[in-house]
PDB file of N, CA and C in Angstrom:
ATOM      1  N   MET A   1      52.914  39.450-169.560  1.00  0.00           N
ATOM      2  CA  MET A   1      54.055  40.081-168.922  1.00  0.00           C
ATOM      3  C   MET A   1      54.107  39.741-167.432  1.00  0.00           C
ATOM      4  N   GLN A   2      52.942  39.563-166.792  1.00  0.00           N
ATOM      5  CA  GLN A   2      52.937  39.251-165.370  1.00  0.00           C
ATOM      6  C   GLN A   2      53.646  37.932-165.095  1.00  0.00           C
ATOM      7  N   HIS A   3      53.401  36.924-165.936  1.00  0.00           N
ATOM      8  CA  HIS A   3      54.051  35.624-165.752  1.00  0.00           C
ATOM      9  C   HIS A   3      55.570  35.773-165.856  1.00  0.00           C
ATOM     10  N   HIS A   4      56.021  36.577-166.809  1.00  0.00           N
ATOM     11  CA  HIS A   4      57.453  36.800-166.999  1.00  0.00           C
ATOM     12  C   HIS A   4      58.056  37.482-165.764  1.00  0.00           C
ATOM     13  N   ALA A   5      57.352  38.449-165.203  1.00  0.00           N
ATOM     14  CA  ALA A   5      57.837  39.164-164.014  1.00  0.00           C
ATOM     15  C   ALA A   5      57.939  38.213-162.820  1.00  0.00           C
ATOM     16  N   ARG A   6      56.908  37.345-162.654  1.00  0.00           N
ATOM     17  CA  ARG A   6      56.954  36.369-161.549  1.00  0.00           C
ATOM     18  C   ARG A   6      58.132  35.422-161.719  1.00  0.00           C
ATOM     19  N   THR A   7      58.388  35.013-162.956  1.00  0.00           N
ATOM     20  CA  THR A   7      59.507  34.105-163.216  1.00  0.00           C
ATOM     21  C   THR A   7      60.835  34.774-162.864  1.00  0.00           C
ATOM     22  N   LEU A   8      60.980  36.064-163.234  1.00  0.00           N
ATOM     23  CA  LEU A   8      62.208  36.794-162.905  1.00  0.00           C
ATOM     24  C   LEU A   8      62.383  36.944-161.399  1.00  0.00           C
ATOM     25  N   ILE A   9      61.305  37.256-160.699  1.00  0.00           N
ATOM     26  CA  ILE A   9      61.373  37.394-159.239  1.00  0.00           C
ATOM     27  C   ILE A   9      61.739  36.056-158.606  1.00  0.00           C
ATOM     28  N   SER A  10      61.105  34.979-159.057  1.00  0.00           N
ATOM     29  CA  SER A  10      61.426  33.648-158.524  1.00  0.00           C
ATOM     30  C   SER A  10      62.884  33.294-158.785  1.00  0.00           C
ATOM     31  N   ALA A  11      63.367  33.590-159.984  1.00  0.00           N
ATOM     32  CA  ALA A  11      64.768  33.312-160.319  1.00  0.00           C
ATOM     33  C   ALA A  11      65.696  34.126-159.425  1.00  0.00           C
ATOM     34  N   GLY A  12      65.320  35.371-159.150  1.00  0.00           N
ATOM     35  CA  GLY A  12      66.135  36.221-158.274  1.00  0.00           C
ATOM     36  C   GLY A  12      66.196  35.684-156.852  1.00  0.00           C
ATOM     37  N   ILE A  13      65.077  35.197-156.346  1.00  0.00           N
ATOM     38  CA  ILE A  13      65.038  34.624-154.999  1.00  0.00           C
ATOM     39  C   ILE A  13      65.922  33.374-154.934  1.00  0.00           C
ATOM     40  N   VAL A  14      65.824  32.526-155.941  1.00  0.00           N
ATOM     41  CA  VAL A  14      66.655  31.315-155.977  1.00  0.00           C
ATOM     42  C   VAL A  14      68.135  31.694-156.030  1.00  0.00           C
ATOM     43  N   ALA A  15      68.499  32.673-156.861  1.00  0.00           N
ATOM     44  CA  ALA A  15      69.895  33.099-156.986  1.00  0.00           C
ATOM     45  C   ALA A  15      70.407  33.660-155.656  1.00  0.00           C
ATOM     46  N   ALA A  16      69.583  34.457-154.983  1.00  0.00           N
ATOM     47  CA  ALA A  16      69.988  35.026-153.694  1.00  0.00           C
ATOM     48  C   ALA A  16      70.198  33.922-152.658  1.00  0.00           C
ATOM     49  N   PHE A  17      69.306  32.941-152.651  1.00  0.00           N
ATOM     50  CA  PHE A  17      69.443  31.822-151.715  1.00  0.00           C
ATOM     51  C   PHE A  17      70.738  31.049-151.983  1.00  0.00           C
ATOM     52  N   MET A  18      71.005  30.785-153.263  1.00  0.00           N
ATOM     53  CA  MET A  18      72.210  30.025-153.612  1.00  0.00           C
ATOM     54  C   MET A  18      73.466  30.809-153.237  1.00  0.00           C
ATOM     55  N   ALA A  19      73.470  32.106-153.438  1.00  0.00           N
ATOM     56  CA  ALA A  19      74.626  32.927-153.080  1.00  0.00           C
ATOM     57  C   ALA A  19      74.842  32.902-151.567  1.00  0.00           C
ATOM     58  N   THR A  20      73.753  32.994-150.798  1.00  0.00           N
ATOM     59  CA  THR A  20      73.852  32.938-149.344  1.00  0.00           C
ATOM     60  C   THR A  20      74.387  31.582-148.893  1.00  0.00           C
ATOM     61  N   ALA A  21      73.910  30.511-149.496  1.00  0.00           N
ATOM     62  CA  ALA A  21      74.391  29.176-149.137  1.00  0.00           C
ATOM     63  C   ALA A  21      75.872  29.031-149.464  1.00  0.00           C
ATOM     64  N   ALA A  22      76.301  29.568-150.587  1.00  0.00           N
ATOM     65  CA  ALA A  22      77.713  29.485-150.965  1.00  0.00           C
ATOM     66  C   ALA A  22      78.577  30.264-149.981  1.00  0.00           C
ATOM     67  N   LEU A  23      78.117  31.452-149.578  1.00  0.00           N
ATOM     68  CA  LEU A  23      78.880  32.237-148.608  1.00  0.00           C
ATOM     69  C   LEU A  23      78.961  31.523-147.268  1.00  0.00           C
ATOM     70  N   ALA A  24      77.892  30.901-146.855  1.00  0.00           N
ATOM     71  CA  ALA A  24      77.893  30.183-145.578  1.00  0.00           C
ATOM     72  C   ALA A  24      78.907  29.043-145.623  1.00  0.00           C
ATOM     73  N   HIS A  25      78.992  28.365-146.752  1.00  0.00           N
ATOM     74  CA  HIS A  25      79.922  27.243-146.858  1.00  0.00           C
ATOM     75  C   HIS A  25      81.363  27.717-146.883  1.00  0.00           C
ATOM     76  N   HIS A  26      81.636  28.772-147.652  1.00  0.00           N
ATOM     77  CA  HIS A  26      83.009  29.194-147.836  1.00  0.00           C
ATOM     78  C   HIS A  26      83.406  30.337-146.917  1.00  0.00           C
ATOM     79  N   GLY A  27      82.493  30.821-146.097  1.00  0.00           N
ATOM     80  CA  GLY A  27      82.793  31.923-145.202  1.00  0.00           C
ATOM     81  C   GLY A  27      83.491  31.447-143.936  1.00  0.00           C
ATOM     82  N   TRP A  28      83.353  32.253-142.905  1.00  0.00           N
ATOM     83  CA  TRP A  28      84.022  31.995-141.631  1.00  0.00           C
ATOM     84  C   TRP A  28      83.024  31.663-140.524  1.00  0.00           C
ATOM     85  N   SER A  29      81.729  31.592-140.835  1.00  0.00           N
ATOM     86  CA  SER A  29      80.712  31.420-139.800  1.00  0.00           C
ATOM     87  C   SER A  29      80.881  30.116-139.024  1.00  0.00           C
ATOM     88  N   TRP A  30      81.493  29.118-139.616  1.00  0.00           N
ATOM     89  CA  TRP A  30      81.682  27.827-138.952  1.00  0.00           C
ATOM     90  C   TRP A  30      82.871  27.825-137.998  1.00  0.00           C
ATOM     91  N   ALA A  31      83.695  28.872-138.042  1.00  0.00           N
ATOM     92  CA  ALA A  31      84.949  28.891-137.280  1.00  0.00           C
ATOM     93  C   ALA A  31      84.837  29.760-136.033  1.00  0.00           C
ATOM     94  N   GLU A  32      85.617  29.409-135.023  1.00  0.00           N
ATOM     95  CA  GLU A  32      85.689  30.209-133.799  1.00  0.00           C
ATOM     96  C   GLU A  32      86.399  31.528-134.080  1.00  0.00           C
ATOM     97  N   ALA A  33      86.122  32.534-133.260  1.00  0.00           N
ATOM     98  CA  ALA A  33      86.771  33.833-133.425  1.00  0.00           C
ATOM     99  C   ALA A  33      88.236  33.775-132.985  1.00  0.00           C
ATOM    100  N   ASP A  34      88.505  33.030-131.922  1.00  0.00           N
ATOM    101  CA  ASP A  34      89.879  32.928-131.410  1.00  0.00           C
ATOM    102  C   ASP A  34      90.731  32.070-132.338  1.00  0.00           C
ATOM    103  N   GLN A  35      91.992  32.439-132.457  1.00  0.00           N
ATOM    104  CA  GLN A  35      92.910  31.682-133.308  1.00  0.00           C
ATOM    105  C   GLN A  35      93.803  30.783-132.466  1.00  0.00           C
ATOM    106  N   ILE A  36      94.168  29.646-133.054  1.00  0.00           N
ATOM    107  CA  ILE A  36      95.099  28.722-132.415  1.00  0.00           C
ATOM    108  C   ILE A  36      96.261  28.483-133.367  1.00  0.00           C
ATOM    109  N   GLU A  37      97.364  28.024-132.798  1.00  0.00           N
ATOM    110  CA  GLU A  37      98.510  27.635-133.593  1.00  0.00           C
ATOM    111  C   GLU A  37      98.643  26.126-133.500  1.00  0.00           C
ATOM    112  N   LEU A  38      98.860  25.504-134.639  1.00  0.00           N
ATOM    113  CA  LEU A  38      98.908  24.048-134.721  1.00  0.00           C
ATOM    114  C   LEU A  38     100.174  23.664-135.480  1.00  0.00           C
ATOM    115  N   THR A  39     100.995  22.795-134.888  1.00  0.00           N
ATOM    116  CA  THR A  39     102.200  22.307-135.559  1.00  0.00           C
ATOM    117  C   THR A  39     102.028  20.819-135.806  1.00  0.00           C
ATOM    118  N   GLY A  40     102.409  20.396-137.005  1.00  0.00           N
ATOM    119  CA  GLY A  40     102.257  18.991-137.335  1.00  0.00           C
ATOM    120  C   GLY A  40     103.008  18.615-138.594  1.00  0.00           C
ATOM    121  N   THR A  41     102.811  17.352-138.984  1.00  0.00           N
ATOM    122  CA  THR A  41     103.469  16.787-140.155  1.00  0.00           C
ATOM    123  C   THR A  41     102.458  16.691-141.295  1.00  0.00           C
ATOM    124  N   VAL A  42     102.853  17.198-142.453  1.00  0.00           N
ATOM    125  CA  VAL A  42     101.981  17.196-143.629  1.00  0.00           C
ATOM    126  C   VAL A  42     101.772  15.770-144.129  1.00  0.00           C
ATOM    127  N   ASN A  43     100.516  15.427-144.378  1.00  0.00           N
ATOM    128  CA  ASN A  43     100.159  14.152-145.011  1.00  0.00           C
ATOM    129  C   ASN A  43      99.834  14.349-146.489  1.00  0.00           C
ATOM    130  N   LYS A  44      99.127  15.476-146.798  1.00  0.00           N
ATOM    131  CA  LYS A  44      98.697  15.706-148.173  1.00  0.00           C
ATOM    132  C   LYS A  44      98.438  17.189-148.375  1.00  0.00           C
ATOM    133  N   VAL A  45      98.809  17.696-149.556  1.00  0.00           N
ATOM    134  CA  VAL A  45      98.504  19.068-149.962  1.00  0.00           C
ATOM    135  C   VAL A  45      97.713  18.985-151.263  1.00  0.00           C
ATOM    136  N   VAL A  46      96.568  19.668-151.302  1.00  0.00           N
ATOM    137  CA  VAL A  46      95.741  19.695-152.510  1.00  0.00           C
ATOM    138  C   VAL A  46      95.514  21.159-152.884  1.00  0.00           C
ATOM    139  N   ILE A  47      95.994  21.535-154.067  1.00  0.00           N
ATOM    140  CA  ILE A  47      95.788  22.903-154.564  1.00  0.00           C
ATOM    141  C   ILE A  47      94.709  22.819-155.644  1.00  0.00           C
ATOM    142  N   ALA A  48      93.462  23.025-155.232  1.00  0.00           N
ATOM    143  CA  ALA A  48      92.334  22.916-156.157  1.00  0.00           C
ATOM    144  C   ALA A  48      91.159  23.711-155.610  1.00  0.00           C
ATOM    145  N   PRO A  49      90.281  24.211-156.499  1.00  0.00           N
ATOM    146  CA  PRO A  49      89.076  24.897-156.029  1.00  0.00           C
ATOM    147  C   PRO A  49      88.174  23.928-155.268  1.00  0.00           C
ATOM    148  N   PRO A  50      87.311  24.351-154.370  1.00  0.00           N
ATOM    149  CA  PRO A  50      87.048  25.751-154.079  1.00  0.00           C
ATOM    150  C   PRO A  50      88.125  26.398-153.211  1.00  0.00           C
ATOM    151  N   HIS A  51      88.875  25.613-152.444  1.00  0.00           N
ATOM    152  CA  HIS A  51      89.997  26.161-151.686  1.00  0.00           C
ATOM    153  C   HIS A  51      91.021  25.063-151.460  1.00  0.00           C
ATOM    154  N   PRO A  52      92.305  25.401-151.605  1.00  0.00           N
ATOM    155  CA  PRO A  52      93.356  24.421-151.352  1.00  0.00           C
ATOM    156  C   PRO A  52      93.305  23.947-149.892  1.00  0.00           C
ATOM    157  N   THR A  53      93.786  22.737-149.673  1.00  0.00           N
ATOM    158  CA  THR A  53      93.760  22.148-148.329  1.00  0.00           C
ATOM    159  C   THR A  53      95.076  21.454-148.010  1.00  0.00           C
ATOM    160  N   ILE A  54      95.304  21.291-146.717  1.00  0.00           N
ATOM    161  CA  ILE A  54      96.435  20.518-146.207  1.00  0.00           C
ATOM    162  C   ILE A  54      95.877  19.563-145.169  1.00  0.00           C
ATOM    163  N   ASP A  55      96.219  18.293-145.270  1.00  0.00           N
ATOM    164  CA  ASP A  55      95.903  17.334-144.215  1.00  0.00           C
ATOM    165  C   ASP A  55      97.191  17.122-143.435  1.00  0.00           C
ATOM    166  N   LEU A  56      97.108  17.243-142.122  1.00  0.00           N
ATOM    167  CA  LEU A  56      98.303  17.062-141.307  1.00  0.00           C
ATOM    168  C   LEU A  56      97.984  16.313-140.030  1.00  0.00           C
ATOM    169  N   THR A  57      99.026  15.724-139.465  1.00  0.00           N
ATOM    170  CA  THR A  57      98.927  15.075-138.164  1.00  0.00           C
ATOM    171  C   THR A  57      99.655  15.962-137.171  1.00  0.00           C
ATOM    172  N   ALA A  58      98.925  16.435-136.160  1.00  0.00           N
ATOM    173  CA  ALA A  58      99.492  17.320-135.149  1.00  0.00           C
ATOM    174  C   ALA A  58     100.462  16.547-134.258  1.00  0.00           C
ATOM    175  N   ALA A  59     101.232  17.295-133.495  1.00  0.00           N
ATOM    176  CA  ALA A  59     102.236  16.708-132.613  1.00  0.00           C
ATOM    177  C   ALA A  59     101.621  15.693-131.644  1.00  0.00           C
ATOM    178  N   ASP A  60     100.330  15.872-131.281  1.00  0.00           N
ATOM    179  CA  ASP A  60      99.668  14.949-130.356  1.00  0.00           C
ATOM    180  C   ASP A  60      99.065  13.731-131.060  1.00  0.00           C
ATOM    181  N   GLY A  61      99.311  13.608-132.388  1.00  0.00           N
ATOM    182  CA  GLY A  61      98.819  12.455-133.139  1.00  0.00           C
ATOM    183  C   GLY A  61      97.437  12.610-133.736  1.00  0.00           C
ATOM    184  N   VAL A  62      96.797  13.763-133.535  1.00  0.00           N
ATOM    185  CA  VAL A  62      95.453  13.999-134.059  1.00  0.00           C
ATOM    186  C   VAL A  62      95.554  14.519-135.502  1.00  0.00           C
ATOM    187  N   ASP A  63      94.720  13.959-136.393  1.00  0.00           N
ATOM    188  CA  ASP A  63      94.689  14.386-137.792  1.00  0.00           C
ATOM    189  C   ASP A  63      93.778  15.601-137.945  1.00  0.00           C
ATOM    190  N   TRP A  64      94.247  16.592-138.694  1.00  0.00           N
ATOM    191  CA  TRP A  64      93.518  17.833-138.940  1.00  0.00           C
ATOM    192  C   TRP A  64      93.383  18.078-140.434  1.00  0.00           C
ATOM    193  N   HIS A  65      92.291  18.737-140.810  1.00  0.00           N
ATOM    194  CA  HIS A  65      92.057  19.170-142.181  1.00  0.00           C
ATOM    195  C   HIS A  65      92.165  20.697-142.173  1.00  0.00           C
ATOM    196  N   ILE A  66      93.144  21.225-142.891  1.00  0.00           N
ATOM    197  CA  ILE A  66      93.410  22.661-142.920  1.00  0.00           C
ATOM    198  C   ILE A  66      92.894  23.229-144.236  1.00  0.00           C
ATOM    199  N   GLU A  67      92.034  24.240-144.145  1.00  0.00           N
ATOM    200  CA  GLU A  67      91.545  24.929-145.333  1.00  0.00           C
ATOM    201  C   GLU A  67      92.355  26.205-145.504  1.00  0.00           C
ATOM    202  N   LEU A  68      92.907  26.391-146.703  1.00  0.00           N
ATOM    203  CA  LEU A  68      93.615  27.622-147.018  1.00  0.00           C
ATOM    204  C   LEU A  68      92.606  28.593-147.637  1.00  0.00           C
ATOM    205  N   GLY A  69      93.080  29.678-148.216  1.00  0.00           N
ATOM    206  CA  GLY A  69      92.187  30.634-148.859  1.00  0.00           C
ATOM    207  C   GLY A  69      91.712  30.106-150.194  1.00  0.00           C
ATOM    208  N   ASN A  70      90.904  30.898-150.883  1.00  0.00           N
ATOM    209  CA  ASN A  70      90.535  30.500-152.231  1.00  0.00           C
ATOM    210  C   ASN A  70      91.815  30.437-153.067  1.00  0.00           C
ATOM    211  N   PRO A  71      91.789  29.822-154.227  1.00  0.00           N
ATOM    212  CA  PRO A  71      93.031  29.685-155.000  1.00  0.00           C
ATOM    213  C   PRO A  71      93.764  31.007-155.246  1.00  0.00           C
ATOM    214  N   GLY A  72      93.025  32.111-155.452  1.00  0.00           N
ATOM    215  CA  GLY A  72      93.663  33.411-155.662  1.00  0.00           C
ATOM    216  C   GLY A  72      94.407  33.901-154.434  1.00  0.00           C
ATOM    217  N   ASN A  73      93.746  33.859-153.261  1.00  0.00           N
ATOM    218  CA  ASN A  73      94.396  34.280-152.012  1.00  0.00           C
ATOM    219  C   ASN A  73      95.616  33.419-151.718  1.00  0.00           C
ATOM    220  N   THR A  74      95.465  32.124-151.914  1.00  0.00           N
ATOM    221  CA  THR A  74      96.560  31.200-151.618  1.00  0.00           C
ATOM    222  C   THR A  74      97.745  31.492-152.534  1.00  0.00           C
ATOM    223  N   ALA A  75      97.490  31.699-153.818  1.00  0.00           N
ATOM    224  CA  ALA A  75      98.568  32.001-154.767  1.00  0.00           C
ATOM    225  C   ALA A  75      99.236  33.340-154.428  1.00  0.00           C
ATOM    226  N   ARG A  76      98.448  34.362-154.060  1.00  0.00           N
ATOM    227  CA  ARG A  76      99.018  35.663-153.695  1.00  0.00           C
ATOM    228  C   ARG A  76      99.943  35.557-152.498  1.00  0.00           C
ATOM    229  N   SER A  77      99.666  34.614-151.598  1.00  0.00           N
ATOM    230  CA  SER A  77     100.528  34.444-150.421  1.00  0.00           C
ATOM    231  C   SER A  77     101.865  33.817-150.806  1.00  0.00           C
ATOM    232  N   GLY A  78     101.919  33.223-152.008  1.00  0.00           N
ATOM    233  CA  GLY A  78     103.124  32.530-152.454  1.00  0.00           C
ATOM    234  C   GLY A  78     103.055  31.031-152.248  1.00  0.00           C
ATOM    235  N   PHE A  79     102.021  30.560-151.548  1.00  0.00           N
ATOM    236  CA  PHE A  79     101.898  29.122-151.281  1.00  0.00           C
ATOM    237  C   PHE A  79     101.419  28.410-152.535  1.00  0.00           C
ATOM    238  N   ASN A  80     102.103  27.324-152.912  1.00  0.00           N
ATOM    239  CA  ASN A  80     101.691  26.517-154.058  1.00  0.00           C
ATOM    240  C   ASN A  80     101.977  25.047-153.772  1.00  0.00           C
ATOM    241  N   GLU A  81     101.796  24.193-154.769  1.00  0.00           N
ATOM    242  CA  GLU A  81     101.934  22.749-154.546  1.00  0.00           C
ATOM    243  C   GLU A  81     103.355  22.333-154.162  1.00  0.00           C
ATOM    244  N   GLN A  82     104.355  23.193-154.399  1.00  0.00           N
ATOM    245  CA  GLN A  82     105.724  22.866-153.997  1.00  0.00           C
ATOM    246  C   GLN A  82     106.094  23.432-152.617  1.00  0.00           C
ATOM    247  N   SER A  83     105.215  24.217-152.015  1.00  0.00           N
ATOM    248  CA  SER A  83     105.540  24.893-150.755  1.00  0.00           C
ATOM    249  C   SER A  83     105.663  23.942-149.578  1.00  0.00           C
ATOM    250  N   ALA A  84     104.881  22.885-149.565  1.00  0.00           N
ATOM    251  CA  ALA A  84     104.923  21.891-148.480  1.00  0.00           C
ATOM    252  C   ALA A  84     104.632  20.537-149.102  1.00  0.00           C
ATOM    253  N   LYS A  85     105.311  19.522-148.592  1.00  0.00           N
ATOM    254  CA  LYS A  85     105.107  18.175-149.124  1.00  0.00           C
ATOM    255  C   LYS A  85     104.946  17.201-147.967  1.00  0.00           C
ATOM    256  N   PRO A  86     104.378  16.023-148.234  1.00  0.00           N
ATOM    257  CA  PRO A  86     104.223  15.038-147.165  1.00  0.00           C
ATOM    258  C   PRO A  86     105.544  14.800-146.434  1.00  0.00           C
ATOM    259  N   GLY A  87     105.439  14.806-145.104  1.00  0.00           N
ATOM    260  CA  GLY A  87     106.616  14.615-144.257  1.00  0.00           C
ATOM    261  C   GLY A  87     107.166  15.911-143.693  1.00  0.00           C
ATOM    262  N   ASP A  88     106.839  17.059-144.324  1.00  0.00           N
ATOM    263  CA  ASP A  88     107.301  18.350-143.818  1.00  0.00           C
ATOM    264  C   ASP A  88     106.592  18.692-142.511  1.00  0.00           C
ATOM    265  N   THR A  89     107.302  19.362-141.625  1.00  0.00           N
ATOM    266  CA  THR A  89     106.695  19.901-140.411  1.00  0.00           C
ATOM    267  C   THR A  89     106.319  21.345-140.693  1.00  0.00           C
ATOM    268  N   ILE A  90     105.069  21.671-140.409  1.00  0.00           N
ATOM    269  CA  ILE A  90     104.580  23.034-140.625  1.00  0.00           C
ATOM    270  C   ILE A  90     103.853  23.524-139.386  1.00  0.00           C
ATOM    271  N   THR A  91     103.704  24.849-139.304  1.00  0.00           N
ATOM    272  CA  THR A  91     102.899  25.468-138.257  1.00  0.00           C
ATOM    273  C   THR A  91     101.819  26.287-138.942  1.00  0.00           C
ATOM    274  N   VAL A  92     100.593  26.107-138.476  1.00  0.00           N
ATOM    275  CA  VAL A  92      99.443  26.800-139.049  1.00  0.00           C
ATOM    276  C   VAL A  92      98.787  27.636-137.961  1.00  0.00           C
ATOM    277  N   LEU A  93      98.516  28.894-138.287  1.00  0.00           N
ATOM    278  CA  LEU A  93      97.747  29.771-137.417  1.00  0.00           C
ATOM    279  C   LEU A  93      96.386  29.933-138.068  1.00  0.00           C
ATOM    280  N   GLY A  94      95.334  29.742-137.290  1.00  0.00           N
ATOM    281  CA  GLY A  94      94.009  29.878-137.884  1.00  0.00           C
ATOM    282  C   GLY A  94      92.883  29.719-136.884  1.00  0.00           C
ATOM    283  N   ASN A  95      91.678  29.655-137.443  1.00  0.00           N
ATOM    284  CA  ASN A  95      90.453  29.566-136.654  1.00  0.00           C
ATOM    285  C   ASN A  95      89.877  28.162-136.804  1.00  0.00           C
ATOM    286  N   ARG A  96      89.755  27.479-135.680  1.00  0.00           N
ATOM    287  CA  ARG A  96      89.249  26.103-135.722  1.00  0.00           C
ATOM    288  C   ARG A  96      87.735  26.076-135.762  1.00  0.00           C
ATOM    289  N   SER A  97      87.214  24.928-136.135  1.00  0.00           N
ATOM    290  CA  SER A  97      85.773  24.723-136.196  1.00  0.00           C
ATOM    291  C   SER A  97      85.143  24.938-134.819  1.00  0.00           C
ATOM    292  N   GLN A  98      83.937  25.486-134.816  1.00  0.00           N
ATOM    293  CA  GLN A  98      83.197  25.647-133.559  1.00  0.00           C
ATOM    294  C   GLN A  98      82.784  24.296-132.981  1.00  0.00           C
ATOM    295  N   ASP A  99      82.747  23.276-133.815  1.00  0.00           N
ATOM    296  CA  ASP A  99      82.428  21.918-133.366  1.00  0.00           C
ATOM    297  C   ASP A  99      83.720  21.274-132.868  1.00  0.00           C
ATOM    298  N   PRO A 100      83.857  21.056-131.553  1.00  0.00           N
ATOM    299  CA  PRO A 100      85.116  20.523-131.021  1.00  0.00           C
ATOM    300  C   PRO A 100      85.458  19.121-131.530  1.00  0.00           C
ATOM    301  N   GLU A 101      84.461  18.408-132.034  1.00  0.00           N
ATOM    302  CA  GLU A 101      84.720  17.068-132.576  1.00  0.00           C
ATOM    303  C   GLU A 101      85.320  17.134-133.986  1.00  0.00           C
ATOM    304  N   GLU A 102      85.095  18.252-134.666  1.00  0.00           N
ATOM    305  CA  GLU A 102      85.576  18.406-136.047  1.00  0.00           C
ATOM    306  C   GLU A 102      86.973  19.024-136.022  1.00  0.00           C
ATOM    307  N   LYS A 103      87.941  18.293-136.489  1.00  0.00           N
ATOM    308  CA  LYS A 103      89.333  18.751-136.493  1.00  0.00           C
ATOM    309  C   LYS A 103      89.602  19.448-137.825  1.00  0.00           C
ATOM    310  N   ARG A 104      89.054  20.661-137.934  1.00  0.00           N
ATOM    311  CA  ARG A 104      89.163  21.462-139.153  1.00  0.00           C
ATOM    312  C   ARG A 104      89.576  22.868-138.752  1.00  0.00           C
ATOM    313  N   LEU A 105      90.481  23.446-139.541  1.00  0.00           N
ATOM    314  CA  LEU A 105      91.023  24.760-139.232  1.00  0.00           C
ATOM    315  C   LEU A 105      91.069  25.593-140.502  1.00  0.00           C
ATOM    316  N   LYS A 106      90.623  26.841-140.421  1.00  0.00           N
ATOM    317  CA  LYS A 106      90.732  27.794-141.534  1.00  0.00           C
ATOM    318  C   LYS A 106      92.020  28.581-141.297  1.00  0.00           C
ATOM    319  N   ALA A 107      93.015  28.372-142.154  1.00  0.00           N
ATOM    320  CA  ALA A 107      94.331  28.973-141.961  1.00  0.00           C
ATOM    321  C   ALA A 107      94.359  30.440-142.364  1.00  0.00           C
ATOM    322  N   VAL A 108      95.024  31.255-141.546  1.00  0.00           N
ATOM    323  CA  VAL A 108      95.323  32.633-141.925  1.00  0.00           C
ATOM    324  C   VAL A 108      96.810  32.772-142.239  1.00  0.00           C
ATOM    325  N   ARG A 109      97.645  31.878-141.669  1.00  0.00           N
ATOM    326  CA  ARG A 109      99.089  31.885-141.912  1.00  0.00           C
ATOM    327  C   ARG A 109      99.605  30.448-141.858  1.00  0.00           C
ATOM    328  N   VAL A 110     100.505  30.122-142.788  1.00  0.00           N
ATOM    329  CA  VAL A 110     101.174  28.821-142.798  1.00  0.00           C
ATOM    330  C   VAL A 110     102.674  29.091-142.801  1.00  0.00           C
ATOM    331  N   THR A 111     103.398  28.415-141.913  1.00  0.00           N
ATOM    332  CA  THR A 111     104.848  28.553-141.848  1.00  0.00           C
ATOM    333  C   THR A 111     105.482  27.205-142.140  1.00  0.00           C
ATOM    334  N   VAL A 112     106.352  27.186-143.147  1.00  0.00           N
ATOM    335  CA  VAL A 112     107.079  25.979-143.535  1.00  0.00           C
ATOM    336  C   VAL A 112     108.556  26.319-143.422  1.00  0.00           C
ATOM    337  N   GLY A 113     109.231  25.726-142.432  1.00  0.00           N
ATOM    338  CA  GLY A 113     110.627  26.097-142.192  1.00  0.00           C
ATOM    339  C   GLY A 113     110.698  27.563-141.820  1.00  0.00           C
ATOM    340  N   GLU A 114     111.497  28.331-142.558  1.00  0.00           N
ATOM    341  CA  GLU A 114     111.626  29.774-142.306  1.00  0.00           C
ATOM    342  C   GLU A 114     110.672  30.603-143.160  1.00  0.00           C
ATOM    343  N   LYS A 115     109.931  29.950-144.055  1.00  0.00           N
ATOM    344  CA  LYS A 115     109.065  30.668-144.994  1.00  0.00           C
ATOM    345  C   LYS A 115     107.661  30.825-144.424  1.00  0.00           C
ATOM    346  N   VAL A 116     107.178  32.065-144.420  1.00  0.00           N
ATOM    347  CA  VAL A 116     105.853  32.378-143.891  1.00  0.00           C
ATOM    348  C   VAL A 116     104.935  32.762-145.052  1.00  0.00           C
ATOM    349  N   TYR A 117     103.763  32.129-145.089  1.00  0.00           N
ATOM    350  CA  TYR A 117     102.746  32.416-146.101  1.00  0.00           C
ATOM    351  C   TYR A 117     101.529  33.003-145.396  1.00  0.00           C
ATOM    352  N   ASP A 118     101.298  34.290-145.579  1.00  0.00           N
ATOM    353  CA  ASP A 118     100.133  34.940-144.985  1.00  0.00           C
ATOM    354  C   ASP A 118      98.965  34.822-145.964  1.00  0.00           C
ATOM    355  N   ILE A 119      98.098  33.852-145.701  1.00  0.00           N
ATOM    356  CA  ILE A 119      96.963  33.586-146.579  1.00  0.00           C
ATOM    357  C   ILE A 119      95.926  34.703-146.455  1.00  0.00           C
ATOM    358  N   TYR A 120      95.608  35.096-145.221  1.00  0.00           N
ATOM    359  CA  TYR A 120      94.669  36.179-144.931  1.00  0.00           C
ATOM    360  C   TYR A 120      95.348  37.159-143.991  1.00  0.00           C
ATOM    361  N   PRO A 121      96.220  38.041-144.520  1.00  0.00           N
ATOM    362  CA  PRO A 121      96.956  38.965-143.632  1.00  0.00           C
ATOM    363  C   PRO A 121      96.052  39.833-142.778  1.00  0.00           C
ATOM    364  N   ASP A 122      94.896  40.248-143.304  1.00  0.00           N
ATOM    365  CA  ASP A 122      93.997  41.135-142.552  1.00  0.00           C
ATOM    366  C   ASP A 122      93.308  40.413-141.392  1.00  0.00           C
ATOM    367  N   ARG A 123      93.331  39.099-141.370  1.00  0.00           N
ATOM    368  CA  ARG A 123      92.634  38.335-140.330  1.00  0.00           C
ATOM    369  C   ARG A 123      93.582  37.830-139.242  1.00  0.00           C
ATOM    370  N   ILE A 124      94.859  38.087-139.371  1.00  0.00           N
ATOM    371  CA  ILE A 124      95.813  37.586-138.374  1.00  0.00           C
ATOM    372  C   ILE A 124      95.666  38.411-137.110  1.00  0.00           C
ATOM    373  N   ASN A 125      95.365  37.725-135.996  1.00  0.00           N
ATOM    374  CA  ASN A 125      95.234  38.416-134.713  1.00  0.00           C
ATOM    375  C   ASN A 125      96.596  38.907-134.276  1.00  0.00           C
ATOM    376  N   LYS A 126      96.669  40.178-133.951  1.00  0.00           N
ATOM    377  CA  LYS A 126      97.941  40.790-133.554  1.00  0.00           C
ATOM    378  C   LYS A 126      98.045  40.834-132.032  1.00  0.00           C
ATOM    379  N   SER A 127      97.946  39.691-131.370  1.00  0.00           N
ATOM    380  CA  SER A 127      97.964  39.714-129.906  1.00  0.00           C
ATOM    381  C   SER A 127      99.332  39.468-129.344  1.00  0.00           C
TER     382      SER A 127
END
């Protein structure tokens, strides 16, 4: 029985580590606390797990990778594969990467024309 207990404890430690690693990857720890607004032209929209993404070129010509919410959050906001297409101009509000060299943004709101998609309504800074 002791061997079985050690195996269960080891399995639990591995599971906890994997869960922590998954949260670190999909969480917000990589992003700055302050939010920025970014306007640009859509290059590509991908609606797929682990989280949908938008690649866009900002007005200054810099390419950005925008991460939306998990598929459930993104769908609840109303955003889907028809919401934005290559060539559309969109505005994204979100938290950029803490690494200034990495042009990556975690979106809390996406605006396409007059349509607003609040991906993470509770995270939108009300300033």
